C-alpha atoms as a PDB file:
ATOM      1  CA  MET A   1      74.847  87.453 -62.085  1.00  0.00           C
ATOM      2  CA  GLY A   2      74.390  83.834 -60.907  1.00  0.00           C
ATOM      3  CA  GLY A   3      76.284  81.577 -58.162  1.00  0.00           C
ATOM      4  CA  GLY A   4      79.201  80.728 -59.195  1.00  0.00           C
ATOM      5  CA  THR A   5      80.040  83.307 -62.228  1.00  0.00           C
ATOM      6  CA  SER A   6      78.700  86.763 -63.553  1.00  0.00           C
ATOM      7  CA  GLU A   7      78.195  86.217 -67.018  1.00  0.00           C
ATOM      8  CA  ILE A   8      78.502  89.856 -69.115  1.00  0.00           C
ATOM      9  CA  ALA A   9      77.542  90.198 -72.898  1.00  0.00           C
ATOM     10  CA  VAL A  10      76.999  93.199 -75.101  1.00  0.00           C
ATOM     11  CA  ILE A  11      73.906  91.051 -77.693  1.00  0.00           C
ATOM     12  CA  SER A  12      72.921  93.208 -81.481  1.00  0.00           C
ATOM     13  CA  LEU A  13      70.973  91.338 -83.943  1.00  0.00           C
ATOM     14  CA  GLY A  14      70.580  88.210 -82.129  1.00  0.00           C
ATOM     15  CA  GLY A  15      74.325  87.475 -82.448  1.00  0.00           C
ATOM     16  CA  ILE A  16      77.184  88.033 -79.073  1.00  0.00           C
ATOM     17  CA  VAL A  17      79.301  91.300 -79.878  1.00  0.00           C
ATOM     18  CA  VAL A  18      81.006  91.404 -77.090  1.00  0.00           C
ATOM     19  CA  ASN A  19      80.930  88.703 -73.582  1.00  0.00           C
ATOM     20  CA  LYS A  20      82.987  88.328 -70.446  1.00  0.00           C
ATOM     21  CA  SER A  21      82.862  85.388 -67.759  1.00  0.00           C
ATOM     22  CA  LEU A  22      84.126  87.013 -64.630  1.00  0.00           C
ATOM     23  CA  ARG A  23      84.106  83.913 -61.399  1.00  0.00           C
ATOM     24  CA  VAL A  24      82.641  86.969 -59.104  1.00  0.00           C
ATOM     25  CA  ALA A  25      79.342  86.613 -57.930  1.00  0.00           C
ATOM     26  CA  GLY A  26      76.733  85.153 -55.491  1.00  0.00           C
ATOM     27  CA  ASP A  27      79.280  82.620 -53.836  1.00  0.00           C
ATOM     28  CA  GLU A  28      82.390  84.888 -53.227  1.00  0.00           C
ATOM     29  CA  LEU A  29      79.453  87.617 -51.986  1.00  0.00           C
ATOM     30  CA  ASP A  30      79.003  84.631 -49.771  1.00  0.00           C
ATOM     31  CA  GLN A  31      82.465  84.195 -48.738  1.00  0.00           C
ATOM     32  CA  GLU A  32      83.097  87.592 -48.686  1.00  0.00           C
ATOM     33  CA  ILE A  33      80.783  87.823 -46.132  1.00  0.00           C
ATOM     34  CA  VAL A  34      82.498  84.892 -44.148  1.00  0.00           C
ATOM     35  CA  ASP A  35      85.692  86.016 -44.434  1.00  0.00           C
ATOM     36  CA  TYR A  36      84.241  89.601 -43.028  1.00  0.00           C
ATOM     37  CA  ALA A  37      83.070  87.583 -39.623  1.00  0.00           C
ATOM     38  CA  LYS A  38      86.314  85.865 -38.865  1.00  0.00           C
ATOM     39  CA  ASN A  39      87.817  88.449 -39.630  1.00  0.00           C
ATOM     40  CA  LYS A  40      86.340  90.925 -37.844  1.00  0.00           C
ATOM     41  CA  TYR A  41      84.411  89.014 -35.284  1.00  0.00           C
ATOM     42  CA  ASN A  42      86.446  85.678 -34.645  1.00  0.00           C
ATOM     43  CA  LEU A  43      83.585  84.185 -35.315  1.00  0.00           C
ATOM     44  CA  LEU A  44      83.329  81.145 -38.305  1.00  0.00           C
ATOM     45  CA  LEU A  45      79.562  81.490 -40.318  1.00  0.00           C
ATOM     46  CA  GLY A  46      77.929  78.868 -42.424  1.00  0.00           C
ATOM     47  CA  GLU A  47      77.190  79.486 -46.477  1.00  0.00           C
ATOM     48  CA  ARG A  48      73.536  78.872 -45.491  1.00  0.00           C
ATOM     49  CA  THR A  49      73.378  81.765 -43.118  1.00  0.00           C
ATOM     50  CA  ALA A  50      76.371  84.249 -44.968  1.00  0.00           C
ATOM     51  CA  GLU A  51      73.699  83.912 -47.928  1.00  0.00           C
ATOM     52  CA  GLU A  52      70.946  84.611 -45.272  1.00  0.00           C
ATOM     53  CA  ILE A  53      72.290  87.904 -44.437  1.00  0.00           C
ATOM     54  CA  LYS A  54      73.761  88.873 -48.019  1.00  0.00           C
ATOM     55  CA  PHE A  55      70.236  89.112 -48.894  1.00  0.00           C
ATOM     56  CA  SER A  56      68.257  89.843 -45.793  1.00  0.00           C
ATOM     57  CA  ILE A  57      70.723  92.960 -44.715  1.00  0.00           C
ATOM     58  CA  GLY A  58      73.339  93.016 -47.699  1.00  0.00           C
ATOM     59  CA  ASN A  59      72.979  95.793 -49.829  1.00  0.00           C
ATOM     60  CA  VAL A  60      75.760  97.831 -52.244  1.00  0.00           C
ATOM     61  CA  ILE A  61      74.582 101.370 -51.535  1.00  0.00           C
ATOM     62  CA  GLU A  62      73.599 103.461 -48.557  1.00  0.00           C
ATOM     63  CA  TYR A  63      69.744 103.548 -48.034  1.00  0.00           C
ATOM     64  CA  GLU A  64      67.452 105.131 -45.964  1.00  0.00           C
ATOM     65  CA  GLY A  65      66.760 103.916 -42.302  1.00  0.00           C
ATOM     66  CA  GLU A  66      69.769 101.335 -42.905  1.00  0.00           C
ATOM     67  CA  ALA A  67      70.870 101.399 -39.275  1.00  0.00           C
ATOM     68  CA  ALA A  68      67.554 100.026 -37.470  1.00  0.00           C
ATOM     69  CA  HIS A  69      67.850  97.279 -39.804  1.00  0.00           C
ATOM     70  CA  LYS A  70      70.757  95.410 -38.205  1.00  0.00           C
ATOM     71  CA  ALA A  71      70.366  91.788 -37.806  1.00  0.00           C
ATOM     72  CA  LEU A  72      71.247  88.958 -35.479  1.00  0.00           C
ATOM     73  CA  PHE A  73      73.005  86.379 -36.784  1.00  0.00           C
ATOM     74  CA  ARG A  74      74.873  83.069 -34.804  1.00  0.00           C
ATOM     75  CA  GLY A  75      78.667  80.862 -36.049  1.00  0.00           C
ATOM     76  CA  ARG A  76      81.120  79.321 -34.277  1.00  0.00           C
ATOM     77  CA  ASP A  77      83.201  80.981 -31.834  1.00  0.00           C
ATOM     78  CA  LEU A  78      86.307  80.587 -33.145  1.00  0.00           C
ATOM     79  CA  LYS A  79      88.399  80.856 -30.354  1.00  0.00           C
ATOM     80  CA  SER A  80      86.095  78.657 -27.844  1.00  0.00           C
ATOM     81  CA  GLY A  81      84.783  76.601 -29.973  1.00  0.00           C
ATOM     82  CA  LEU A  82      81.234  77.657 -28.394  1.00  0.00           C
ATOM     83  CA  PRO A  83      78.273  78.779 -30.606  1.00  0.00           C
ATOM     84  CA  ARG A  84      77.663  83.220 -30.740  1.00  0.00           C
ATOM     85  CA  SER A  85      75.476  85.557 -31.760  1.00  0.00           C
ATOM     86  CA  ILE A  86      76.797  88.913 -33.039  1.00  0.00           C
ATOM     87  CA  GLU A  87      74.476  92.041 -34.609  1.00  0.00           C
ATOM     88  CA  ILE A  88      75.417  93.198 -38.091  1.00  0.00           C
ATOM     89  CA  SER A  89      74.923  96.201 -39.916  1.00  0.00           C
ATOM     90  CA  PRO A  90      74.053  96.688 -43.711  1.00  0.00           C
ATOM     91  CA  ALA A  91      77.030  99.348 -43.699  1.00  0.00           C
ATOM     92  CA  GLU A  92      79.180  96.475 -42.761  1.00  0.00           C
ATOM     93  CA  ILE A  93      78.133  93.928 -45.374  1.00  0.00           C
ATOM     94  CA  ARG A  94      78.144  96.582 -47.770  1.00  0.00           C
ATOM     95  CA  GLU A  95      82.112  97.381 -46.332  1.00  0.00           C
ATOM     96  CA  ALA A  96      82.640  93.399 -46.739  1.00  0.00           C
ATOM     97  CA  LEU A  97      81.171  93.120 -50.518  1.00  0.00           C
ATOM     98  CA  LYS A  98      82.541  96.521 -52.132  1.00  0.00           C
ATOM     99  CA  VAL A  99      85.976  94.662 -53.554  1.00  0.00           C
ATOM    100  CA  PRO A 100      83.731  91.770 -55.512  1.00  0.00           C
ATOM    101  CA  VAL A 101      80.926  94.165 -56.620  1.00  0.00           C
ATOM    102  CA  TYR A 102      83.240  96.590 -57.936  1.00  0.00           C
ATOM    103  CA  SER A 103      85.218  93.980 -60.047  1.00  0.00           C
ATOM    104  CA  ILE A 104      81.934  92.794 -61.579  1.00  0.00           C
ATOM    105  CA  ILE A 105      81.057  96.817 -62.489  1.00  0.00           C
ATOM    106  CA  ASP A 106      84.927  96.818 -63.795  1.00  0.00           C
ATOM    107  CA  ALA A 107      84.504  93.398 -66.346  1.00  0.00           C
ATOM    108  CA  ILE A 108      81.164  95.229 -67.322  1.00  0.00           C
ATOM    109  CA  LYS A 109      82.485  98.896 -67.858  1.00  0.00           C
ATOM    110  CA  ASP A 110      85.764  96.398 -70.058  1.00  0.00           C
ATOM    111  CA  ALA A 111      83.384  95.185 -72.301  1.00  0.00           C
ATOM    112  CA  ILE A 112      81.780  98.471 -72.997  1.00  0.00           C
ATOM    113  CA  GLU A 113      85.090  99.497 -74.071  1.00  0.00           C
ATOM    114  CA  GLU A 114      85.360  96.224 -76.450  1.00  0.00           C
ATOM    115  CA  THR A 115      82.310  97.774 -77.731  1.00  0.00           C
ATOM    116  CA  PRO A 116      82.076  99.239 -81.627  1.00  0.00           C
ATOM    117  CA  ALA A 117      81.233 102.770 -81.156  1.00  0.00           C
ATOM    118  CA  GLU A 118      77.582 102.340 -83.363  1.00  0.00           C
ATOM    119  CA  LEU A 119      76.509 100.094 -80.329  1.00  0.00           C
ATOM    120  CA  VAL A 120      77.747 101.927 -77.554  1.00  0.00           C
ATOM    121  CA  SER A 121      74.690 104.470 -78.324  1.00  0.00           C
ATOM    122  CA  ASP A 122      71.994 101.882 -78.112  1.00  0.00           C
ATOM    123  CA  ILE A 123      73.753 101.063 -74.715  1.00  0.00           C
ATOM    124  CA  LEU A 124      72.978 104.392 -73.628  1.00  0.00           C
ATOM    125  CA  LYS A 125      69.847 104.405 -74.583  1.00  0.00           C
ATOM    126  CA  ASN A 126      67.987 100.633 -73.770  1.00  0.00           C
ATOM    127  CA  GLY A 127      70.661 100.510 -70.731  1.00  0.00           C
ATOM    128  CA  ILE A 128      71.977  97.241 -69.276  1.00  0.00           C
ATOM    129  CA  THR A 129      69.505  94.008 -67.845  1.00  0.00           C
ATOM    130  CA  LEU A 130      70.501  92.544 -64.814  1.00  0.00           C
ATOM    131  CA  ALA A 131      69.329  89.095 -64.397  1.00  0.00           C
ATOM    132  CA  GLY A 132      70.459  86.302 -61.839  1.00  0.00           C
ATOM    133  CA  GLY A 133      69.916  86.151 -57.700  1.00  0.00           C
ATOM    134  CA  THR A 134      73.059  88.534 -57.645  1.00  0.00           C
ATOM    135  CA  SER A 135      70.951  91.205 -59.129  1.00  0.00           C
ATOM    136  CA  LEU A 136      68.776  91.248 -56.289  1.00  0.00           C
ATOM    137  CA  LEU A 137      71.274  92.538 -53.832  1.00  0.00           C
ATOM    138  CA  ARG A 138      69.872  95.654 -52.541  1.00  0.00           C
ATOM    139  CA  GLY A 139      70.853  98.637 -54.712  1.00  0.00           C
ATOM    140  CA  MET A 140      73.026  96.969 -56.902  1.00  0.00           C
ATOM    141  CA  ASP A 141      71.212  98.558 -60.220  1.00  0.00           C
ATOM    142  CA  LYS A 142      71.538 101.973 -59.179  1.00  0.00           C
ATOM    143  CA  LEU A 143      75.133 101.488 -58.354  1.00  0.00           C
ATOM    144  CA  MET A 144      75.777 100.402 -61.506  1.00  0.00           C
ATOM    145  CA  SER A 145      73.694 103.078 -62.394  1.00  0.00           C
ATOM    146  CA  HIS A 146      75.433 105.228 -60.965  1.00  0.00           C
ATOM    147  CA  GLU A 147      78.896 103.468 -62.066  1.00  0.00           C
ATOM    148  CA  LEU A 148      78.167 103.315 -65.237  1.00  0.00           C
ATOM    149  CA  LYS A 149      76.011 105.913 -66.360  1.00  0.00           C
ATOM    150  CA  VAL A 150      73.838 104.033 -68.114  1.00  0.00           C
ATOM    151  CA  PRO A 151      70.205 102.781 -66.926  1.00  0.00           C
ATOM    152  CA  VAL A 152      70.487  99.875 -65.322  1.00  0.00           C
ATOM    153  CA  LYS A 153      66.843  97.253 -64.616  1.00  0.00           C
ATOM    154  CA  VAL A 154      66.633  94.113 -62.945  1.00  0.00           C
ATOM    155  CA  VAL A 155      64.308  91.809 -65.307  1.00  0.00           C
ATOM    156  CA  PRO A 156      61.351  90.523 -63.744  1.00  0.00           C
ATOM    157  CA  ASP A 157      61.950  86.649 -61.591  1.00  0.00           C
ATOM    158  CA  PRO A 158      65.706  87.527 -61.899  1.00  0.00           C
ATOM    159  CA  MET A 159      66.606  83.761 -60.689  1.00  0.00           C
ATOM    160  CA  THR A 160      64.297  81.801 -63.252  1.00  0.00           C
ATOM    161  CA  CYS A 161      64.755  83.667 -66.278  1.00  0.00           C
ATOM    162  CA  VAL A 162      67.330  82.250 -67.195  1.00  0.00           C
ATOM    163  CA  VAL A 163      66.374  78.188 -67.296  1.00  0.00           C
ATOM    164  CA  ARG A 164      62.965  79.775 -68.572  1.00  0.00           C
ATOM    165  CA  GLY A 165      64.197  80.906 -71.570  1.00  0.00           C
ATOM    166  CA  CYS A 166      66.486  78.049 -72.363  1.00  0.00           C
ATOM    167  CA  GLY A 167      63.386  75.860 -71.825  1.00  0.00           C
ATOM    168  CA  ILE A 168      61.507  78.224 -73.945  1.00  0.00           C
ATOM    169  CA  VAL A 169      64.134  77.179 -77.411  1.00  0.00           C
ATOM    170  CA  LEU A 170      64.269  74.026 -76.511  1.00  0.00           C
ATOM    171  CA  ASP A 171      60.842  73.909 -77.065  1.00  0.00           C
ATOM    172  CA  ASP A 172      61.240  75.682 -80.190  1.00  0.00           C
ATOM    173  CA  ARG A 173      63.126  74.278 -82.764  1.00  0.00           C
ATOM    174  CA  ASP A 174      62.972  76.792 -85.296  1.00  0.00           C
ATOM    175  CA  LEU A 175      64.490  78.553 -82.511  1.00  0.00           C
ATOM    176  CA  LEU A 176      66.766  76.818 -81.094  1.00  0.00           C
ATOM    177  CA  ASN A 177      68.301  76.740 -84.831  1.00  0.00           C
ATOM    178  CA  LYS A 178      68.872  80.105 -85.082  1.00  0.00           C
ATOM    179  CA  VAL A 179      70.763  80.215 -81.897  1.00  0.00           C
ATOM    180  CA  ARG A 180      73.087  77.617 -81.708  1.00  0.00           C
ATOM    181  CA  ILE A 181      76.321  78.071 -81.139  1.00  0.00           C
ATOM    182  CA  ARG A 182      78.690  76.351 -83.997  1.00  0.00           C
END
């Protein structure tokens, strides 16, 4: 789950059995926050501010003590054109992110439904692994586990694991030949 796309794959014996690509990821979540501030507060937020909101108080499930985590953010008032600050709560961000997050979950459900039955038991046993910056959104793994009824974990260092894996493959010619798409 990166910035521009969420890639979903069921992998078995080193090969891709089912895959889906969804144009819903971090950038779309940021845009949902921008749209929420525009529609509710008549305030234009920048993309960087929306991303900061996403990672500072963004969440997809209610958590203990969230009411105390309101945050102050600045943008431009759409009526006056002047700078203005607003206080946004984690609950508001959760609501703003609901539709795109559930579209990712629905795509994962579709991938599981297309998976051969003998591999579904492996998914139940081994779970789902999340990578990419969007996987760092508070509660993403717990919400997915609840909705999909399978264990979900986030890889260590999800922001760089994909590019590091590519580097390992490029450094090992034999491994590159094994995974090359023909």
